[in-house]
Amino acid sequence: MTQLSVIIITLNEAANIEACLDALSFADEIIVLDGASTDGTADLARARGAAVHVSQEWLGFGNQKNRALDLARCPWVLSIDADERVTPELSRQIRQVMLEGTANAYEIPRLTQFCGHWIHHCGWTPDRVLRLFKRDQARFSDDLVHERVLLSGGAAGHLTSPLLHYSYPTPSHYWRKLEQYSKAWAEQRHARGQKCSMLRAALAGVVAFLRSYVFRLGFLDGAMGFAVCAMQAQAAFGKYFALYCLNHKNDLFPNPPPV
């Protein structure tokens, strides 16, 4: 049998980690790389049989996932987040394609829940994420946020059973992630020398709403679809506005208050 390692990076995921791990009984090895959680995440993961490693240093999502990948020992690797769930149908399909070996990596369709409602449009579905791959054929990009799996060669195959994503149980979860991702995205782009005007930030928000609500049929998801599209517009504006503030830091804050 071809063996599978599952890798998960965590930080204060006590509300999610047990359900996540309970759905991974088909894996031969589960590795949790924890970022020094203060809510007992590491202990809960150990109690579920995961091999837990703790890292005090945070260098971004890409580097953290590469650290977890380096700890894996099986030929195949499945990378998931603590707020994602592998269904029995998906686990069977993963085992099947690993045995067939027709590709070195596979994209998995992801279905996301927002405030208790599954979102089927808005650009959220289909959301194909490359998560299953041969360990010696892939690495993660070193991006601070929105990291990607980089394959050594060959095209990825496609699975059909969805990975369930419970990312936003309440609006406050969305706003917290928005702040975190916007800051990391802006810092990364600023370090690369990218510039941004206020007009660019405003247009990003307008375009994001029209694209997700009209062209990607967000209106078909009803009231929650409108909420998702409005928040996506805020997210688009927010990350460019954060970049604008970094570009004009000295102009906006010529005399920062002492810490």
C-alpha atoms as a PDB file:
ATOM      1  CA  MET A   1       0.000   0.000   0.000  1.00  0.00           C
ATOM      2  CA  THR A   2       1.209   3.487  -0.859  1.00  0.00           C
ATOM      3  CA  GLN A   3       1.585   5.475   2.353  1.00  0.00           C
ATOM      4  CA  LEU A   4       0.266   8.967   3.091  1.00  0.00           C
ATOM      5  CA  SER A   5       1.446  11.740   5.420  1.00  0.00           C
ATOM      6  CA  VAL A   6      -0.991  14.504   6.352  1.00  0.00           C
ATOM      7  CA  ILE A   7       0.590  17.825   7.343  1.00  0.00           C
ATOM      8  CA  ILE A   8      -1.238  20.593   9.226  1.00  0.00           C
ATOM      9  CA  ILE A   9       0.112  23.897  10.515  1.00  0.00           C
ATOM     10  CA  THR A  10      -1.788  25.360  13.455  1.00  0.00           C
ATOM     11  CA  LEU A  11      -2.017  28.354  15.754  1.00  0.00           C
ATOM     12  CA  ASN A  12      -4.743  28.414  18.413  1.00  0.00           C
ATOM     13  CA  GLU A  13      -7.001  25.923  16.610  1.00  0.00           C
ATOM     14  CA  ALA A  14      -8.469  24.182  19.663  1.00  0.00           C
ATOM     15  CA  ALA A  15     -11.979  24.695  18.259  1.00  0.00           C
ATOM     16  CA  ASN A  16     -11.108  22.831  15.052  1.00  0.00           C
ATOM     17  CA  ILE A  17      -8.234  20.426  15.496  1.00  0.00           C
ATOM     18  CA  GLU A  18     -10.111  17.464  17.021  1.00  0.00           C
ATOM     19  CA  ALA A  19     -12.759  17.275  14.293  1.00  0.00           C
ATOM     20  CA  CYS A  20     -10.066  17.739  11.652  1.00  0.00           C
ATOM     21  CA  LEU A  21      -7.943  14.884  12.994  1.00  0.00           C
ATOM     22  CA  ASP A  22     -10.922  12.582  13.568  1.00  0.00           C
ATOM     23  CA  ALA A  23     -11.540  12.627   9.808  1.00  0.00           C
ATOM     24  CA  LEU A  24      -7.968  11.531   9.007  1.00  0.00           C
ATOM     25  CA  SER A  25      -7.953   7.965  10.308  1.00  0.00           C
ATOM     26  CA  PHE A  26      -7.099   6.717   6.791  1.00  0.00           C
ATOM     27  CA  ALA A  27      -3.678   8.455   6.914  1.00  0.00           C
ATOM     28  CA  ASP A  28      -0.500   6.571   7.815  1.00  0.00           C
ATOM     29  CA  GLU A  29       1.061   9.600   9.519  1.00  0.00           C
ATOM     30  CA  ILE A  30      -0.320  12.907  10.769  1.00  0.00           C
ATOM     31  CA  ILE A  31       2.078  15.768  11.452  1.00  0.00           C
ATOM     32  CA  VAL A  32       0.960  18.930  13.237  1.00  0.00           C
ATOM     33  CA  LEU A  33       3.398  21.847  13.237  1.00  0.00           C
ATOM     34  CA  ASP A  34       2.069  24.198  15.882  1.00  0.00           C
ATOM     35  CA  GLY A  35       3.066  27.853  16.179  1.00  0.00           C
ATOM     36  CA  ALA A  36       3.231  27.858  19.996  1.00  0.00           C
ATOM     37  CA  SER A  37      -0.536  27.925  20.565  1.00  0.00           C
ATOM     38  CA  THR A  38      -1.821  29.135  23.928  1.00  0.00           C
ATOM     39  CA  ASP A  39      -5.210  27.371  23.809  1.00  0.00           C
ATOM     40  CA  GLY A  40      -4.098  23.754  24.137  1.00  0.00           C
ATOM     41  CA  THR A  41      -4.081  22.931  20.421  1.00  0.00           C
ATOM     42  CA  ALA A  42      -0.864  20.920  20.681  1.00  0.00           C
ATOM     43  CA  ASP A  43      -2.125  18.785  23.583  1.00  0.00           C
ATOM     44  CA  LEU A  44      -5.415  18.071  21.816  1.00  0.00           C
ATOM     45  CA  ALA A  45      -3.547  16.999  18.683  1.00  0.00           C
ATOM     46  CA  ARG A  46      -1.234  14.699  20.658  1.00  0.00           C
ATOM     47  CA  ALA A  47      -4.256  13.106  22.345  1.00  0.00           C
ATOM     48  CA  ARG A  48      -5.625  12.307  18.856  1.00  0.00           C
ATOM     49  CA  GLY A  49      -2.380  10.518  17.924  1.00  0.00           C
ATOM     50  CA  ALA A  50      -0.733  13.213  15.794  1.00  0.00           C
ATOM     51  CA  ALA A  51       3.027  13.765  15.819  1.00  0.00           C
ATOM     52  CA  VAL A  52       3.183  17.317  17.150  1.00  0.00           C
ATOM     53  CA  HIS A  53       6.111  19.693  16.661  1.00  0.00           C
ATOM     54  CA  VAL A  54       6.191  23.239  18.036  1.00  0.00           C
ATOM     55  CA  SER A  55       7.827  26.168  16.251  1.00  0.00           C
ATOM     56  CA  GLN A  56       8.300  29.489  18.038  1.00  0.00           C
ATOM     57  CA  GLU A  57       9.477  31.297  14.899  1.00  0.00           C
ATOM     58  CA  TRP A  58       6.988  32.425  12.231  1.00  0.00           C
ATOM     59  CA  LEU A  59       8.304  33.234   8.747  1.00  0.00           C
ATOM     60  CA  GLY A  60       5.030  33.101   6.849  1.00  0.00           C
ATOM     61  CA  PHE A  61       2.628  30.411   5.658  1.00  0.00           C
ATOM     62  CA  GLY A  62       4.840  29.132   2.842  1.00  0.00           C
ATOM     63  CA  ASN A  63       7.922  28.608   4.983  1.00  0.00           C
ATOM     64  CA  GLN A  64       5.892  27.090   7.817  1.00  0.00           C
ATOM     65  CA  LYS A  65       4.329  24.557   5.467  1.00  0.00           C
ATOM     66  CA  ASN A  66       7.741  23.675   4.049  1.00  0.00           C
ATOM     67  CA  ARG A  67       8.910  22.980   7.590  1.00  0.00           C
ATOM     68  CA  ALA A  68       5.970  20.626   8.065  1.00  0.00           C
ATOM     69  CA  LEU A  69       6.686  19.013   4.690  1.00  0.00           C
ATOM     70  CA  ASP A  70      10.280  18.354   5.751  1.00  0.00           C
ATOM     71  CA  LEU A  71       8.940  16.351   8.709  1.00  0.00           C
ATOM     72  CA  ALA A  72       6.854  14.047   6.499  1.00  0.00           C
ATOM     73  CA  ARG A  73       8.184  10.535   5.819  1.00  0.00           C
ATOM     74  CA  CYS A  74       5.616   8.932   3.512  1.00  0.00           C
ATOM     75  CA  PRO A  75       5.803   9.030  -0.310  1.00  0.00           C
ATOM     76  CA  TRP A  76       2.539  10.973  -0.613  1.00  0.00           C
ATOM     77  CA  VAL A  77       1.530  14.122   1.288  1.00  0.00           C
ATOM     78  CA  LEU A  78      -1.862  15.707   1.898  1.00  0.00           C
ATOM     79  CA  SER A  79      -1.705  19.297   3.176  1.00  0.00           C
ATOM     80  CA  ILE A  80      -4.829  20.614   4.883  1.00  0.00           C
ATOM     81  CA  ASP A  81      -5.799  23.307   7.365  1.00  0.00           C
ATOM     82  CA  ALA A  82      -7.357  22.740  10.770  1.00  0.00           C
ATOM     83  CA  ASP A  83     -10.687  24.216   9.633  1.00  0.00           C
ATOM     84  CA  GLU A  84     -10.989  21.743   6.747  1.00  0.00           C
ATOM     85  CA  ARG A  85     -12.580  18.285   6.811  1.00  0.00           C
ATOM     86  CA  VAL A  86     -11.880  15.258   4.636  1.00  0.00           C
ATOM     87  CA  THR A  87     -15.092  13.378   3.912  1.00  0.00           C
ATOM     88  CA  PRO A  88     -15.196   9.543   3.670  1.00  0.00           C
ATOM     89  CA  GLU A  89     -15.807   9.879  -0.090  1.00  0.00           C
ATOM     90  CA  LEU A  90     -12.741  12.101  -0.492  1.00  0.00           C
ATOM     91  CA  SER A  91     -10.550   9.776   1.592  1.00  0.00           C
ATOM     92  CA  ARG A  92     -11.498   6.830  -0.645  1.00  0.00           C
ATOM     93  CA  GLN A  93     -10.740   8.828  -3.760  1.00  0.00           C
ATOM     94  CA  ILE A  94      -7.364   9.896  -2.360  1.00  0.00           C
ATOM     95  CA  ARG A  95      -6.418   6.272  -1.705  1.00  0.00           C
ATOM     96  CA  GLN A  96      -7.566   5.267  -5.175  1.00  0.00           C
ATOM     97  CA  VAL A  97      -5.519   7.848  -7.093  1.00  0.00           C
ATOM     98  CA  MET A  98      -2.440   7.167  -4.948  1.00  0.00           C
ATOM     99  CA  LEU A  99      -2.598   3.503  -5.959  1.00  0.00           C
ATOM    100  CA  GLU A 100      -3.190   4.312  -9.619  1.00  0.00           C
ATOM    101  CA  GLY A 101      -0.268   6.755  -9.690  1.00  0.00           C
ATOM    102  CA  THR A 102      -1.307   8.438 -12.932  1.00  0.00           C
ATOM    103  CA  ALA A 103      -0.199  11.905 -11.720  1.00  0.00           C
ATOM    104  CA  ASN A 104       2.297  13.325  -9.232  1.00  0.00           C
ATOM    105  CA  ALA A 105      -0.227  15.726  -7.696  1.00  0.00           C
ATOM    106  CA  TYR A 106      -3.961  16.366  -7.501  1.00  0.00           C
ATOM    107  CA  GLU A 107      -6.215  19.372  -7.082  1.00  0.00           C
ATOM    108  CA  ILE A 108      -9.193  18.990  -4.763  1.00  0.00           C
ATOM    109  CA  PRO A 109     -12.426  21.015  -5.093  1.00  0.00           C
ATOM    110  CA  ARG A 110     -13.158  22.900  -1.879  1.00  0.00           C
ATOM    111  CA  LEU A 111     -16.622  23.820  -0.615  1.00  0.00           C
ATOM    112  CA  THR A 112     -16.661  26.672   1.910  1.00  0.00           C
ATOM    113  CA  GLN A 113     -19.223  27.424   4.590  1.00  0.00           C
ATOM    114  CA  PHE A 114     -19.956  31.026   5.618  1.00  0.00           C
ATOM    115  CA  CYS A 115     -21.959  31.660   8.812  1.00  0.00           C
ATOM    116  CA  GLY A 116     -23.612  28.241   8.570  1.00  0.00           C
ATOM    117  CA  HIS A 117     -24.394  28.429   4.826  1.00  0.00           C
ATOM    118  CA  TRP A 118     -22.583  26.584   2.045  1.00  0.00           C
ATOM    119  CA  ILE A 119     -21.566  29.031  -0.680  1.00  0.00           C
ATOM    120  CA  HIS A 120     -21.916  27.626  -4.197  1.00  0.00           C
ATOM    121  CA  HIS A 121     -21.047  30.731  -6.232  1.00  0.00           C
ATOM    122  CA  CYS A 122     -19.290  34.086  -5.597  1.00  0.00           C
ATOM    123  CA  GLY A 123     -16.053  32.672  -7.019  1.00  0.00           C
ATOM    124  CA  TRP A 124     -15.788  30.384  -3.997  1.00  0.00           C
ATOM    125  CA  THR A 125     -17.031  27.344  -5.914  1.00  0.00           C
ATOM    126  CA  PRO A 126     -15.427  25.650  -7.697  1.00  0.00           C
ATOM    127  CA  ASP A 127     -12.343  26.402  -5.626  1.00  0.00           C
ATOM    128  CA  ARG A 128      -9.688  23.920  -6.725  1.00  0.00           C
ATOM    129  CA  VAL A 129      -6.715  23.701  -4.364  1.00  0.00           C
ATOM    130  CA  LEU A 130      -3.590  21.617  -4.968  1.00  0.00           C
ATOM    131  CA  ARG A 131      -3.206  19.667  -1.735  1.00  0.00           C
ATOM    132  CA  LEU A 132      -2.242  16.082  -2.599  1.00  0.00           C
ATOM    133  CA  PHE A 133       1.199  15.428  -4.051  1.00  0.00           C
ATOM    134  CA  LYS A 134       4.236  13.172  -4.029  1.00  0.00           C
ATOM    135  CA  ARG A 135       6.597  14.371  -1.332  1.00  0.00           C
ATOM    136  CA  ASP A 136       9.661  14.518  -3.594  1.00  0.00           C
ATOM    137  CA  GLN A 137       7.845  16.331  -6.405  1.00  0.00           C
ATOM    138  CA  ALA A 138       6.678  19.540  -4.692  1.00  0.00           C
ATOM    139  CA  ARG A 139       7.534  22.422  -2.379  1.00  0.00           C
ATOM    140  CA  PHE A 140       5.543  25.409  -1.145  1.00  0.00           C
ATOM    141  CA  SER A 141       6.290  28.921  -2.349  1.00  0.00           C
ATOM    142  CA  ASP A 142       7.856  31.168   0.297  1.00  0.00           C
ATOM    143  CA  ASP A 143       4.956  33.659   0.247  1.00  0.00           C
ATOM    144  CA  LEU A 144       3.929  35.120   3.594  1.00  0.00           C
ATOM    145  CA  VAL A 145       0.292  34.460   2.701  1.00  0.00           C
ATOM    146  CA  HIS A 146      -1.582  32.742  -0.152  1.00  0.00           C
ATOM    147  CA  GLU A 147       1.263  30.275  -0.603  1.00  0.00           C
ATOM    148  CA  ARG A 148       1.220  27.875  -3.572  1.00  0.00           C
ATOM    149  CA  VAL A 149       2.389  24.328  -4.174  1.00  0.00           C
ATOM    150  CA  LEU A 150       5.187  24.345  -6.756  1.00  0.00           C
ATOM    151  CA  LEU A 151       5.513  21.090  -8.688  1.00  0.00           C
ATOM    152  CA  SER A 152       8.833  19.838 -10.024  1.00  0.00           C
ATOM    153  CA  GLY A 153       7.171  18.802 -13.242  1.00  0.00           C
ATOM    154  CA  GLY A 154       4.048  17.401 -14.816  1.00  0.00           C
ATOM    155  CA  ALA A 155       0.432  18.478 -14.671  1.00  0.00           C
ATOM    156  CA  ALA A 156      -1.821  17.953 -11.674  1.00  0.00           C
ATOM    157  CA  GLY A 157      -4.801  15.640 -11.823  1.00  0.00           C
ATOM    158  CA  HIS A 158      -8.246  16.509 -10.483  1.00  0.00           C
ATOM    159  CA  LEU A 159     -10.342  14.885  -7.780  1.00  0.00           C
ATOM    160  CA  THR A 160     -14.119  15.276  -7.687  1.00  0.00           C
ATOM    161  CA  SER A 161     -15.070  14.791  -4.018  1.00  0.00           C
ATOM    162  CA  PRO A 162     -14.980  18.120  -2.142  1.00  0.00           C
ATOM    163  CA  LEU A 163     -12.853  19.139   0.814  1.00  0.00           C
ATOM    164  CA  LEU A 164     -15.176  20.835   3.313  1.00  0.00           C
ATOM    165  CA  HIS A 165     -13.992  24.227   4.561  1.00  0.00           C
ATOM    166  CA  TYR A 166     -15.466  25.603   7.808  1.00  0.00           C
ATOM    167  CA  SER A 167     -13.453  28.792   7.674  1.00  0.00           C
ATOM    168  CA  TYR A 168     -15.973  31.455   8.674  1.00  0.00           C
ATOM    169  CA  PRO A 169     -18.469  30.309  11.348  1.00  0.00           C
ATOM    170  CA  THR A 170     -19.140  33.961  12.305  1.00  0.00           C
ATOM    171  CA  PRO A 171     -18.455  37.361  10.674  1.00  0.00           C
ATOM    172  CA  SER A 172     -15.820  38.087  13.332  1.00  0.00           C
ATOM    173  CA  HIS A 173     -13.775  35.128  12.092  1.00  0.00           C
ATOM    174  CA  TYR A 174     -13.804  36.647   8.621  1.00  0.00           C
ATOM    175  CA  TRP A 175     -12.700  40.079   9.831  1.00  0.00           C
ATOM    176  CA  ARG A 176      -9.852  38.608  11.878  1.00  0.00           C
ATOM    177  CA  LYS A 177      -8.539  36.653   8.910  1.00  0.00           C
ATOM    178  CA  LEU A 178      -9.005  39.664   6.643  1.00  0.00           C
ATOM    179  CA  GLU A 179      -6.823  41.805   8.902  1.00  0.00           C
ATOM    180  CA  GLN A 180      -4.141  39.131   9.137  1.00  0.00           C
ATOM    181  CA  TYR A 181      -4.022  38.393   5.413  1.00  0.00           C
ATOM    182  CA  SER A 182      -4.238  42.042   4.331  1.00  0.00           C
ATOM    183  CA  LYS A 183      -1.288  42.970   6.527  1.00  0.00           C
ATOM    184  CA  ALA A 184       0.859  40.069   5.317  1.00  0.00           C
ATOM    185  CA  TRP A 185      -0.076  40.653   1.650  1.00  0.00           C
ATOM    186  CA  ALA A 186       0.690  44.385   1.859  1.00  0.00           C
ATOM    187  CA  GLU A 187       4.033  43.828   3.604  1.00  0.00           C
ATOM    188  CA  GLN A 188       5.041  41.302   0.963  1.00  0.00           C
ATOM    189  CA  ARG A 189       4.117  43.579  -1.963  1.00  0.00           C
ATOM    190  CA  HIS A 190       5.717  46.614  -0.293  1.00  0.00           C
ATOM    191  CA  ALA A 191       8.961  44.673   0.145  1.00  0.00           C
ATOM    192  CA  ARG A 192       8.896  43.986  -3.611  1.00  0.00           C
ATOM    193  CA  GLY A 193       8.552  47.689  -4.339  1.00  0.00           C
ATOM    194  CA  GLN A 194       4.922  47.661  -5.500  1.00  0.00           C
ATOM    195  CA  LYS A 195       3.111  51.019  -5.342  1.00  0.00           C
ATOM    196  CA  CYS A 196      -0.572  51.715  -4.846  1.00  0.00           C
ATOM    197  CA  SER A 197      -2.807  54.783  -5.135  1.00  0.00           C
ATOM    198  CA  MET A 198      -6.059  55.381  -3.282  1.00  0.00           C
ATOM    199  CA  LEU A 199      -7.884  55.175  -6.619  1.00  0.00           C
ATOM    200  CA  ARG A 200      -6.386  51.744  -7.212  1.00  0.00           C
ATOM    201  CA  ALA A 201      -7.595  50.601  -3.784  1.00  0.00           C
ATOM    202  CA  ALA A 202     -11.111  51.917  -4.403  1.00  0.00           C
ATOM    203  CA  LEU A 203     -11.332  50.336  -7.858  1.00  0.00           C
ATOM    204  CA  ALA A 204     -10.155  47.007  -6.449  1.00  0.00           C
ATOM    205  CA  GLY A 205     -13.135  46.966  -4.101  1.00  0.00           C
ATOM    206  CA  VAL A 206     -15.659  47.880  -6.804  1.00  0.00           C
ATOM    207  CA  VAL A 207     -14.290  45.362  -9.293  1.00  0.00           C
ATOM    208  CA  ALA A 208     -14.192  42.608  -6.666  1.00  0.00           C
ATOM    209  CA  PHE A 209     -17.876  43.104  -5.841  1.00  0.00           C
ATOM    210  CA  LEU A 210     -19.039  43.175  -9.464  1.00  0.00           C
ATOM    211  CA  ARG A 211     -16.936  40.164 -10.373  1.00  0.00           C
ATOM    212  CA  SER A 212     -18.169  38.000  -7.489  1.00  0.00           C
ATOM    213  CA  TYR A 213     -21.796  39.165  -7.281  1.00  0.00           C
ATOM    214  CA  VAL A 214     -22.631  39.561 -10.981  1.00  0.00           C
ATOM    215  CA  PHE A 215     -20.185  37.641 -13.153  1.00  0.00           C
ATOM    216  CA  ARG A 216     -19.626  34.796 -10.686  1.00  0.00           C
ATOM    217  CA  LEU A 217     -23.345  34.614  -9.841  1.00  0.00           C
ATOM    218  CA  GLY A 218     -23.083  35.492  -6.173  1.00  0.00           C
ATOM    219  CA  PHE A 219     -26.682  36.711  -6.239  1.00  0.00           C
ATOM    220  CA  LEU A 220     -27.782  33.069  -6.555  1.00  0.00           C
ATOM    221  CA  ASP A 221     -26.575  32.462  -2.993  1.00  0.00           C
ATOM    222  CA  GLY A 222     -29.166  34.912  -1.654  1.00  0.00           C
ATOM    223  CA  ALA A 223     -28.531  37.145   1.333  1.00  0.00           C
ATOM    224  CA  MET A 224     -25.375  35.284   2.355  1.00  0.00           C
ATOM    225  CA  GLY A 225     -24.112  35.590  -1.204  1.00  0.00           C
ATOM    226  CA  PHE A 226     -24.488  39.351  -1.012  1.00  0.00           C
ATOM    227  CA  ALA A 227     -22.694  39.375   2.349  1.00  0.00           C
ATOM    228  CA  VAL A 228     -19.806  37.309   0.955  1.00  0.00           C
ATOM    229  CA  CYS A 229     -19.445  39.561  -2.090  1.00  0.00           C
ATOM    230  CA  ALA A 230     -19.578  42.725   0.031  1.00  0.00           C
ATOM    231  CA  MET A 231     -16.911  41.334   2.331  1.00  0.00           C
ATOM    232  CA  GLN A 232     -14.774  40.317  -0.633  1.00  0.00           C
ATOM    233  CA  ALA A 233     -14.997  43.896  -1.841  1.00  0.00           C
ATOM    234  CA  GLN A 234     -13.866  45.072   1.588  1.00  0.00           C
ATOM    235  CA  ALA A 235     -11.028  42.548   1.518  1.00  0.00           C
ATOM    236  CA  ALA A 236      -9.837  43.756  -1.890  1.00  0.00           C
ATOM    237  CA  PHE A 237      -9.958  47.390  -0.801  1.00  0.00           C
ATOM    238  CA  GLY A 238      -8.377  46.575   2.561  1.00  0.00           C
ATOM    239  CA  LYS A 239      -5.251  44.905   1.234  1.00  0.00           C
ATOM    240  CA  TYR A 240      -4.559  47.680  -1.291  1.00  0.00           C
ATOM    241  CA  PHE A 241      -5.293  50.324   1.323  1.00  0.00           C
ATOM    242  CA  ALA A 242      -2.800  48.636   3.655  1.00  0.00           C
ATOM    243  CA  LEU A 243      -0.238  48.764   0.840  1.00  0.00           C
ATOM    244  CA  TYR A 244      -1.075  52.438   0.237  1.00  0.00           C
ATOM    245  CA  CYS A 245      -0.435  53.191   3.900  1.00  0.00           C
ATOM    246  CA  LEU A 246       2.920  51.412   3.785  1.00  0.00           C
ATOM    247  CA  ASN A 247       3.866  53.357   0.636  1.00  0.00           C
ATOM    248  CA  HIS A 248       3.026  56.651   2.362  1.00  0.00           C
ATOM    249  CA  LYS A 249       4.032  55.762   5.896  1.00  0.00           C
ATOM    250  CA  ASN A 250       6.329  58.755   6.359  1.00  0.00           C
ATOM    251  CA  ASP A 251       3.731  61.135   4.901  1.00  0.00           C
ATOM    252  CA  LEU A 252       0.856  59.779   6.979  1.00  0.00           C
ATOM    253  CA  PHE A 253       2.808  59.385  10.197  1.00  0.00           C
ATOM    254  CA  PRO A 254       5.736  61.861  10.093  1.00  0.00           C
ATOM    255  CA  ASN A 255       6.170  61.781  13.878  1.00  0.00           C
ATOM    256  CA  PRO A 256       5.011  58.403  15.213  1.00  0.00           C
ATOM    257  CA  PRO A 257       4.156  58.367  18.914  1.00  0.00           C
ATOM    258  CA  PRO A 258       6.692  56.693  21.187  1.00  0.00           C
ATOM    259  CA  VAL A 259       6.024  53.042  22.049  1.00  0.00           C
END
